[in-house]
Protein backbone atom coordinates (compact mmCIF):
# COMPACT_ATOMS: atom_id res chain seq x y z
CA MET A 1 95.72 101.38 91.66
CA ILE A 2 98.73 102.98 93.26
CA LEU A 3 98.26 103.33 96.98
CA GLY A 4 98.57 106.81 98.43
CA SER A 5 101.21 107.82 100.91
CA PHE A 6 101.10 105.88 104.16
CA HIS A 7 100.02 107.59 107.36
CA SER A 8 102.97 107.13 109.69
CA ILE A 9 101.93 106.02 113.17
CA GLY A 10 103.93 107.43 116.05
CA VAL A 11 105.30 110.55 114.37
CA LYS A 12 105.10 113.86 116.19
CA ASN A 13 101.66 115.52 116.21
CA TYR A 14 99.97 112.61 114.45
CA LYS A 15 96.23 113.26 114.49
CA ILE A 16 93.17 111.39 113.35
CA ASP A 17 91.02 114.28 112.25
CA LYS A 18 89.07 113.07 109.21
CA ILE A 19 86.75 110.09 108.85
CA VAL A 20 84.82 108.99 105.77
CA ILE A 21 81.52 107.28 106.57
CA ASP A 22 80.12 105.13 103.78
CA PRO A 23 76.43 104.10 103.93
CA GLY A 24 76.34 100.98 101.75
CA HIS A 25 74.34 100.73 98.53
CA GLY A 26 71.77 103.45 97.64
CA GLY A 27 69.67 104.59 94.71
CA ARG A 28 68.94 101.80 92.26
CA ASP A 29 70.90 99.39 94.46
CA PRO A 30 68.78 98.60 97.55
CA GLY A 31 71.19 96.00 98.92
CA THR A 32 69.56 93.29 101.01
CA HIS A 33 66.02 93.59 102.32
CA GLY A 34 63.76 92.15 104.98
CA ALA A 35 60.00 92.21 105.41
CA ILE A 36 59.78 95.93 106.18
CA SER A 37 63.01 97.59 105.09
CA GLU A 38 65.91 97.79 102.67
CA GLU A 39 69.60 97.77 103.55
CA LYS A 40 70.33 101.08 101.86
CA ASN A 41 67.93 102.96 104.13
CA VAL A 42 68.99 101.28 107.38
CA ALA A 43 72.66 101.91 106.58
CA LEU A 44 72.03 105.57 105.74
CA LYS A 45 70.13 106.30 108.96
CA ILE A 46 72.83 104.75 111.15
CA ALA A 47 75.61 106.44 109.16
CA LEU A 48 74.04 109.89 109.50
CA GLU A 49 73.49 109.32 113.21
CA LEU A 50 77.14 108.29 113.59
CA GLY A 51 78.28 111.45 111.84
CA ARG A 52 76.05 113.60 114.04
CA ILE A 53 77.44 112.07 117.23
CA ILE A 54 81.06 112.48 116.09
CA LYS A 55 80.50 116.13 115.17
CA GLU A 56 78.79 116.79 118.49
CA ASN A 57 81.45 115.15 120.66
CA LEU A 58 84.62 115.53 118.58
CA PRO A 59 84.18 118.84 116.73
CA GLU A 60 87.82 118.78 115.63
CA VAL A 61 87.10 115.71 113.47
CA GLU A 62 85.88 116.32 109.93
CA VAL A 63 83.14 113.93 108.86
CA VAL A 64 82.74 113.17 105.16
CA TYR A 65 79.95 110.98 103.75
CA THR A 66 80.11 109.02 100.52
CA ARG A 67 76.39 109.70 100.32
CA ASN A 68 73.89 111.49 102.55
CA ASP A 69 70.79 110.73 100.51
CA ASP A 70 69.38 107.97 98.31
CA SER A 71 72.08 108.32 95.65
CA PHE A 72 74.23 105.57 94.13
CA PRO A 73 77.98 106.26 94.32
CA GLN A 74 79.86 103.42 92.66
CA LEU A 75 82.22 101.32 94.76
CA HIS A 76 85.37 102.79 93.28
CA GLU A 77 83.96 106.31 93.75
CA ARG A 78 83.43 105.69 97.47
CA ALA A 79 87.03 104.58 97.96
CA ASP A 80 88.38 107.25 95.62
CA LEU A 81 86.59 109.93 97.65
CA ALA A 82 88.28 108.71 100.84
CA ASN A 83 91.66 108.69 99.09
CA GLN A 84 91.18 112.15 97.58
CA GLN A 85 90.10 113.53 100.95
CA ASP A 86 93.25 112.07 102.51
CA ALA A 87 91.04 110.54 105.20
CA ASP A 88 92.48 108.90 108.28
CA LEU A 89 89.77 106.26 108.49
CA PHE A 90 87.06 104.69 106.33
CA VAL A 91 83.96 103.04 107.83
CA SER A 92 81.43 101.35 105.54
CA ILE A 93 78.05 100.49 107.08
CA HIS A 94 75.84 97.66 105.83
CA ALA A 95 73.07 95.30 106.88
CA ASN A 96 73.27 91.55 106.36
CA TRP A 97 70.95 88.82 105.09
CA VAL A 98 71.08 85.03 105.15
CA ALA A 99 68.62 82.27 104.27
CA ASN A 100 68.46 81.02 107.87
CA PRO A 101 66.16 83.47 109.72
CA ARG A 102 67.45 82.41 113.13
CA ILE A 103 70.90 83.90 112.54
CA HIS A 104 71.35 87.35 114.01
CA GLY A 105 74.08 89.65 115.25
CA MET A 106 76.71 92.08 114.14
CA GLU A 107 80.10 91.48 112.57
CA THR A 108 82.94 93.73 111.50
CA TYR A 109 85.11 92.99 108.48
CA VAL A 110 88.62 93.97 107.53
CA MET A 111 90.24 93.40 104.17
CA GLY A 112 91.62 89.88 103.75
CA ILE A 113 91.35 86.54 101.98
CA ASP A 114 92.56 84.17 104.70
CA LYS A 115 89.01 82.88 105.27
CA LEU A 116 87.75 83.40 101.76
CA GLU A 117 85.74 80.18 101.54
CA LYS A 118 83.80 80.93 104.72
CA ASN A 119 82.97 84.53 103.85
CA PHE A 120 82.83 84.25 100.07
CA GLN A 121 79.04 84.51 99.77
CA ILE A 122 78.91 87.77 101.71
CA ALA A 123 81.81 89.27 99.78
CA LYS A 124 80.32 88.14 96.47
CA ARG A 125 76.97 89.74 97.31
CA GLU A 126 78.47 93.06 98.40
CA ASN A 127 80.86 93.20 95.44
CA SER A 128 78.24 92.25 92.84
CA VAL A 129 76.96 95.83 92.91
CA ILE A 130 79.66 96.60 90.32
CA LEU A 131 77.48 94.77 87.79
CA LEU A 132 75.13 97.78 88.05
CA GLU A 133 77.96 100.18 87.28
CA GLU A 134 79.05 101.42 83.89
CA ASN A 135 82.49 100.38 82.62
CA SER A 136 83.02 98.01 85.55
CA GLN A 137 85.39 95.81 83.53
CA ASP A 138 87.70 98.79 83.04
CA GLU A 139 87.32 100.28 86.52
CA TYR A 140 88.07 96.98 88.28
CA ASP A 141 90.60 95.50 85.84
CA GLY A 142 88.30 92.71 84.68
CA PHE A 143 87.38 91.63 88.22
CA ASP A 144 84.53 89.09 88.33
CA PRO A 145 82.66 89.18 91.68
CA ASN A 146 81.40 85.63 91.09
CA SER A 147 84.83 84.08 90.52
CA PRO A 148 86.84 82.89 93.54
CA GLU A 149 90.00 83.16 91.46
CA SER A 150 89.52 86.90 91.06
CA TYR A 151 89.85 87.38 94.80
CA ILE A 152 93.45 86.24 94.86
CA LEU A 153 94.27 89.70 93.50
CA PHE A 154 93.37 91.13 96.88
CA SER A 155 96.16 89.42 98.82
CA LEU A 156 98.66 92.29 98.55
CA TYR A 157 96.33 95.18 99.29
CA GLN A 158 95.50 96.87 102.60
CA SER A 159 98.35 94.99 104.34
CA ALA A 160 99.96 98.30 105.32
CA TYR A 161 96.82 99.23 107.25
CA GLN A 162 95.81 95.81 108.54
CA GLN A 163 96.90 96.28 112.15
CA ASN A 164 94.97 99.49 112.65
CA SER A 165 91.95 98.20 110.74
CA LEU A 166 91.88 95.23 113.11
CA ARG A 167 92.27 97.55 116.09
CA LEU A 168 89.17 99.54 115.12
CA ALA A 169 87.19 96.41 114.19
CA GLN A 170 87.89 94.86 117.58
CA ASN A 171 86.86 98.09 119.29
CA ILE A 172 83.55 98.08 117.43
CA GLU A 173 82.72 94.48 118.28
CA SER A 174 83.68 95.04 121.91
CA GLN A 175 81.40 98.06 122.18
CA MET A 176 78.50 96.22 120.55
CA LYS A 177 78.84 93.28 122.91
CA THR A 178 79.60 94.98 126.22
CA ARG A 179 77.94 98.40 125.95
CA VAL A 180 75.20 98.18 123.33
CA GLY A 181 74.16 94.65 124.29
CA ARG A 182 74.03 93.28 120.76
CA ASN A 183 75.08 89.83 119.65
CA SER A 184 78.66 90.06 118.41
CA ARG A 185 79.63 87.55 115.74
CA GLY A 186 83.21 88.77 115.85
CA VAL A 187 85.84 90.31 113.61
CA ARG A 188 86.21 88.66 110.21
CA SER A 189 88.17 89.16 107.03
CA ALA A 190 86.81 89.18 103.49
CA PRO A 191 87.82 90.68 100.14
CA PHE A 192 85.46 93.63 99.81
CA LEU A 193 86.20 95.86 96.83
CA VAL A 194 85.37 99.02 98.76
CA LEU A 195 88.04 98.19 101.35
CA TRP A 196 90.59 97.08 98.76
CA ARG A 197 90.57 100.47 97.05
CA THR A 198 91.06 102.59 100.18
CA SER A 199 94.50 103.90 101.18
CA MET A 200 93.89 104.09 104.92
CA PRO A 201 92.67 101.81 107.75
CA SER A 202 89.20 100.64 106.76
CA VAL A 203 86.41 98.46 108.11
CA LEU A 204 83.04 97.26 106.88
CA PHE A 205 80.45 96.93 109.64
CA GLU A 206 77.38 94.71 109.20
CA VAL A 207 74.89 96.11 111.72
CA GLY A 208 72.66 93.02 111.79
CA TYR A 209 70.50 90.67 109.76
CA LEU A 210 67.39 91.92 107.97
CA SER A 211 66.49 88.27 107.48
CA ASN A 212 65.87 87.95 111.24
CA ALA A 213 62.44 89.44 112.01
CA LYS A 214 63.27 90.72 115.49
CA GLU A 215 66.62 92.15 114.45
CA GLU A 216 65.06 93.88 111.47
CA ARG A 217 62.55 95.57 113.78
CA ASP A 218 65.38 96.61 116.10
CA LEU A 219 67.43 98.03 113.23
CA ASN A 220 64.49 100.16 112.13
CA ASP A 221 63.91 101.55 115.62
CA LYS A 222 65.27 105.09 115.99
CA LEU A 223 66.55 104.55 119.54
CA ASN A 224 68.39 101.37 118.56
CA GLN A 225 69.94 103.22 115.61
CA VAL A 226 71.27 105.80 118.07
CA TYR A 227 72.65 103.05 120.33
CA ILE A 228 74.44 101.38 117.43
CA ALA A 229 75.85 104.66 116.13
CA SER A 230 76.97 105.54 119.67
CA GLY A 231 78.79 102.22 119.92
CA ILE A 232 80.66 102.87 116.68
CA TYR A 233 81.44 106.39 117.90
CA ARG A 234 82.93 105.14 121.17
CA ALA A 235 85.01 102.58 119.26
CA PHE A 236 86.29 105.36 116.99
CA ARG A 237 86.95 107.68 119.95
CA ASP A 238 88.98 105.03 121.76
CA TYR A 239 90.88 104.19 118.56
CA LYS A 240 91.69 107.87 118.03
CA GLN A 241 92.85 108.37 121.61
CA GLU A 242 94.97 105.23 121.58
CA LEU A 243 96.83 106.08 118.38
CA GLU A 244 97.29 109.74 119.18
CA SER A 245 98.71 108.82 122.58
CA MET A 246 101.58 107.11 120.76
CA ASN A 247 102.95 110.52 119.69
């Protein structure tokens, strides 16, 4: 894939006026699940709430969704949509799962392979959705989500946007910890296909663990969904103000 033209930071009248919000999974791909819910539904509710809050408070920002219902856009289609829309930012929303039910909290990922071994299982799970897609071998150049060697291909991608991706990711984790009162597990890097394909700053936000009973209940509570979406909104707002102030 040939990356699109870079957004130049610091040029006159630089604006962040379009965001693509990507609710993970959907349709025949439920993602992870807990005792009472599936990842695809939790992600969609928080994503739609985030879009509503952005539109309400920053009407000059165009919000584009990769899905707004229980459909199944393929990973490359999600990234391609953001590229075709010439978006300024891409935010993918997911919910986590792990065998240990005591683990809980939120974490925000940027594209990277520097800690591949530590985050390989999460990346492998999120990327394995391509096995449900048609022509995945052609679309992803023979990429095998179960092979650690395949991930070396990622090392040269997203580097042009790494600094701003990290900036947004750190804003999100800060908001979750200090304003929303959630357990922040920090900013991490992992080779997610959906981030690799995007030609703009991009993050993947894991809102919590459906494998933790209390956290799953929280993530399915409407008020908590609003709090989480509000935290992402404030992180985006601060990111937008900070970069636009560099004009």
